[in-house]
Protein backbone atom coordinates (compact mmCIF):
# COMPACT_ATOMS: atom_id res chain seq x y z
CA UNK A 1 -0.08 -0.14 -0.12
CA UNK A 2 2.81 2.41 0.86
CA UNK A 3 4.49 1.70 -2.50
CA UNK A 4 1.30 2.48 -4.15
CA UNK A 5 0.93 5.67 -2.28
CA UNK A 6 4.09 6.73 -3.45
CA UNK A 7 3.46 5.97 -6.98
CA UNK A 8 0.28 8.06 -6.90
CA UNK A 9 2.13 10.97 -5.12
CA UNK A 10 4.63 10.86 -7.73
CA UNK A 11 1.80 10.95 -10.56
CA UNK A 12 0.04 14.12 -9.06
CA UNK A 13 2.85 16.02 -10.31
CA UNK A 14 4.15 16.35 -13.72
CA UNK A 15 8.02 16.31 -12.63
CA UNK A 16 7.14 13.32 -10.47
CA UNK A 17 5.11 11.60 -13.47
CA UNK A 18 8.07 12.32 -15.76
CA UNK A 19 10.34 10.48 -13.59
CA UNK A 20 7.73 7.52 -13.52
CA UNK A 21 7.62 7.35 -17.26
CA UNK A 22 11.25 7.44 -17.98
CA UNK A 23 11.31 4.39 -15.61
CA UNK A 24 8.96 2.40 -17.19
CA UNK A 25 10.35 3.19 -20.76
CA UNK A 26 13.71 1.83 -19.14
CA UNK A 27 12.38 -1.18 -18.18
CA UNK A 28 10.61 -1.75 -21.34
CA UNK A 29 13.73 -1.18 -23.05
CA UNK A 30 15.89 -3.82 -20.88
CA UNK A 31 13.48 -6.41 -21.78
CA UNK A 32 13.78 -5.68 -25.37
CA UNK A 33 17.23 -5.60 -25.90
CA UNK A 34 17.32 -8.97 -23.95
CA UNK A 35 14.97 -10.42 -26.56
CA UNK A 36 17.21 -9.06 -29.42
CA UNK A 37 20.47 -10.53 -27.97
CA UNK A 38 18.50 -13.91 -27.78
CA UNK A 39 17.38 -13.36 -31.12
CA UNK A 40 13.62 -14.04 -30.15
CA UNK A 41 12.28 -10.38 -30.37
CA UNK A 42 10.06 -11.31 -33.42
CA UNK A 43 9.41 -14.87 -33.02
CA UNK A 44 6.23 -14.29 -31.04
CA UNK A 45 5.17 -11.63 -28.50
CA UNK A 46 7.08 -12.60 -25.62
CA UNK A 47 5.21 -13.29 -22.23
CA UNK A 48 7.72 -10.91 -20.38
CA UNK A 49 7.34 -8.36 -22.80
CA UNK A 50 3.72 -8.33 -22.86
CA UNK A 51 3.64 -8.33 -19.09
CA UNK A 52 5.92 -5.15 -19.03
CA UNK A 53 3.85 -3.44 -21.56
CA UNK A 54 0.51 -4.22 -19.62
CA UNK A 55 2.10 -2.82 -16.30
CA UNK A 56 3.26 0.30 -18.14
CA UNK A 57 -0.01 0.96 -19.83
CA UNK A 58 -1.66 1.00 -16.54
CA UNK A 59 0.81 3.62 -15.19
CA UNK A 60 0.34 5.60 -18.46
CA UNK A 61 -3.17 5.42 -18.17
CA UNK A 62 -3.42 6.85 -14.55
CA UNK A 63 -0.76 9.47 -15.73
CA UNK A 64 -3.28 10.58 -18.75
CA UNK A 65 -6.36 10.59 -16.29
CA UNK A 66 -4.45 13.03 -14.04
CA UNK A 67 -2.66 15.14 -16.68
CA UNK A 68 -4.06 14.64 -20.24
CA UNK A 69 -1.25 14.21 -22.76
CA UNK A 70 2.43 14.49 -21.34
CA UNK A 71 3.25 17.20 -23.45
CA UNK A 72 7.09 18.78 -23.81
CA UNK A 73 6.43 21.93 -22.03
CA UNK A 74 5.29 20.49 -18.95
CA UNK A 75 7.15 17.02 -18.86
CA UNK A 76 10.14 17.61 -21.10
CA UNK A 77 10.88 16.31 -24.51
CA UNK A 78 12.07 13.01 -23.01
CA UNK A 79 9.16 12.43 -20.80
CA UNK A 80 6.73 13.15 -23.76
CA UNK A 81 8.75 10.68 -25.92
CA UNK A 82 8.51 8.03 -23.05
CA UNK A 83 4.84 8.53 -22.80
CA UNK A 84 4.32 8.29 -26.55
CA UNK A 85 6.82 5.15 -26.79
CA UNK A 86 4.92 3.34 -23.65
CA UNK A 87 1.37 4.35 -25.62
CA UNK A 88 2.91 2.64 -29.10
CA UNK A 89 3.65 -0.59 -26.94
CA UNK A 90 0.25 -0.55 -25.20
CA UNK A 91 -0.83 -2.83 -27.98
CA UNK A 92 -2.83 -5.21 -25.59
CA UNK A 93 -4.69 -2.37 -24.79
CA UNK A 94 -6.90 -1.20 -27.51
CA UNK A 95 -9.00 1.07 -25.45
CA UNK A 96 -5.91 2.61 -23.87
CA UNK A 97 -4.22 3.19 -27.39
CA UNK A 98 -7.81 4.84 -28.59
CA UNK A 99 -8.16 7.10 -25.95
CA UNK A 100 -4.41 8.23 -25.98
CA UNK A 101 -4.88 8.77 -29.69
CA UNK A 102 -7.67 11.34 -28.64
CA UNK A 103 -5.65 12.90 -26.08
CA UNK A 104 -2.52 13.27 -28.55
CA UNK A 105 -4.64 14.73 -31.45
CA UNK A 106 -5.91 17.55 -28.90
CA UNK A 107 -2.23 18.19 -27.83
CA UNK A 108 -1.22 18.34 -31.73
CA UNK A 109 -4.13 20.76 -32.50
CA UNK A 110 -3.15 22.81 -29.63
CA UNK A 111 0.44 23.29 -30.99
CA UNK A 112 1.97 21.33 -27.82
CA UNK A 113 3.19 18.02 -29.63
CA UNK A 114 4.74 17.26 -33.20
CA UNK A 115 2.30 16.01 -35.64
CA UNK A 116 4.68 12.99 -36.80
CA UNK A 117 3.96 11.60 -33.11
CA UNK A 118 0.27 11.25 -33.92
CA UNK A 119 0.72 9.93 -37.43
CA UNK A 120 2.64 6.98 -36.08
CA UNK A 121 0.10 6.24 -33.69
CA UNK A 122 -2.42 6.69 -36.43
CA UNK A 123 -0.37 4.13 -38.38
CA UNK A 124 -0.01 1.51 -35.53
CA UNK A 125 -3.56 1.33 -34.65
CA UNK A 126 -4.56 1.26 -38.29
CA UNK A 127 -2.61 -1.80 -38.95
CA UNK A 128 -3.76 -3.47 -35.81
CA UNK A 129 -7.17 -3.04 -36.95
CA UNK A 130 -6.20 -4.74 -40.18
CA UNK A 131 -6.40 -1.41 -42.34
CA UNK A 132 -3.86 -0.05 -44.67
CA UNK A 133 -1.80 2.52 -43.00
CA UNK A 134 -1.65 6.18 -43.90
CA UNK A 135 1.94 7.30 -43.74
CA UNK A 136 3.80 3.96 -43.99
CA UNK A 137 5.82 4.28 -40.63
CA UNK A 138 4.85 0.55 -39.64
CA UNK A 139 7.35 -2.04 -40.43
CA UNK A 140 7.20 -5.87 -40.31
CA UNK A 141 9.70 -8.86 -41.55
CA UNK A 142 8.08 -10.42 -44.87
CA UNK A 143 8.18 -14.33 -45.55
CA UNK A 144 11.83 -13.73 -47.33
CA UNK A 145 13.03 -12.02 -43.93
CA UNK A 146 12.95 -8.51 -45.49
CA UNK A 147 11.71 -5.50 -43.62
CA UNK A 148 8.94 -3.84 -45.41
CA UNK A 149 6.10 -1.40 -44.53
CA UNK A 150 2.81 -2.93 -44.08
CA UNK A 151 0.42 -2.00 -46.58
CA UNK A 152 -0.24 1.84 -47.31
CA UNK A 153 -3.21 3.70 -48.15
CA UNK A 154 -2.83 5.29 -51.64
CA UNK A 155 0.79 4.49 -51.61
CA UNK A 156 1.75 7.09 -54.63
CA UNK A 157 1.10 10.16 -52.53
CA UNK A 158 2.29 9.01 -49.26
CA UNK A 159 5.39 11.13 -49.38
CA UNK A 160 3.40 14.21 -49.46
CA UNK A 161 1.44 13.05 -46.48
CA UNK A 162 4.43 12.42 -44.71
CA UNK A 163 6.02 15.97 -45.69
CA UNK A 164 2.97 17.44 -44.24
CA UNK A 165 3.46 15.85 -40.80
CA UNK A 166 7.32 16.23 -40.60
CA UNK A 167 8.27 12.67 -41.75
CA UNK A 168 11.10 11.99 -44.00
CA UNK A 169 10.48 10.37 -47.73
CA UNK A 170 9.50 6.91 -47.00
CA UNK A 171 12.38 5.13 -49.07
CA UNK A 172 14.94 7.16 -47.15
CA UNK A 173 13.17 6.58 -43.77
CA UNK A 174 12.86 2.75 -44.75
CA UNK A 175 16.61 2.59 -45.69
CA UNK A 176 17.56 4.16 -42.35
CA UNK A 177 15.39 1.98 -40.36
CA UNK A 178 16.66 -1.39 -42.15
CA UNK A 179 20.09 -0.38 -41.28
CA UNK A 180 19.26 0.53 -37.33
CA UNK A 181 17.64 -3.14 -37.45
CA UNK A 182 20.92 -4.83 -38.95
CA UNK A 183 22.97 -2.59 -36.69
CA UNK A 184 21.02 -3.39 -33.48
CA UNK A 185 21.34 -7.13 -34.21
CA UNK A 186 17.63 -7.72 -34.74
CA UNK A 187 16.77 -10.83 -36.90
CA UNK A 188 13.39 -11.65 -38.52
CA UNK A 189 11.20 -14.84 -37.05
CA UNK A 190 12.43 -18.38 -38.15
CA UNK A 191 9.06 -19.36 -38.85
CA UNK A 192 7.10 -16.43 -40.45
CA UNK A 193 3.94 -18.44 -40.86
CA UNK A 194 3.71 -19.59 -37.45
CA UNK A 195 4.15 -16.39 -36.33
CA UNK A 196 1.46 -14.99 -38.60
CA UNK A 197 -0.83 -17.58 -37.30
CA UNK A 198 -0.05 -16.76 -33.67
CA UNK A 199 -0.40 -12.75 -34.45
CA UNK A 200 -3.99 -13.17 -35.65
CA UNK A 201 -5.24 -15.43 -32.88
CA UNK A 202 -3.58 -12.69 -30.41
CA UNK A 203 -5.14 -9.85 -32.67
CA UNK A 204 -8.75 -11.35 -32.09
CA UNK A 205 -8.10 -12.30 -28.75
CA UNK A 206 -7.10 -8.98 -27.52
CA UNK A 207 -10.05 -7.38 -29.33
CA UNK A 208 -8.27 -5.72 -32.28
CA UNK A 209 -10.18 -7.76 -34.91
């Protein structure tokens, strides 16, 4: 109970909530890096990773309820980035991701948050819902083990949409992210078909489909 009281006290102030967001993100990254080292990050949705994502989602939900979207002016650029990353990883919580999208959109319209953060979140939600993405920011490994964009709506005009929200051209971004994946040691799943089946089951179980 004392620990929960302490966390509630931290969340009540932007600086305290910022520290919690940074701590939650650090835990997320520690588990992710461990899975990359083991070569299993993309094999399936690892139980440990999902547990961390769910716990972090609950922490973010409490912060959103108290403060709204954690913009950079109140929470610092690192606090805002942490909140956005945690929201992007809250894939087991469709309700929270959709609520976060509304709060983030309001913050963007107020001029408090960069538009590209909302664009990336919109793409993530669209792909989880089984729809083509708008900006081409969500990638996955194909059957040949190549990192590619998931389907994009009106792909011929995607670079114009990306430019409007402050994103670089698609080909440039894709090359950069493929290089980053190689540099960090990320590898595609050994059995893409099995992973695809498990992913579809997870999407239905979680409520995205």
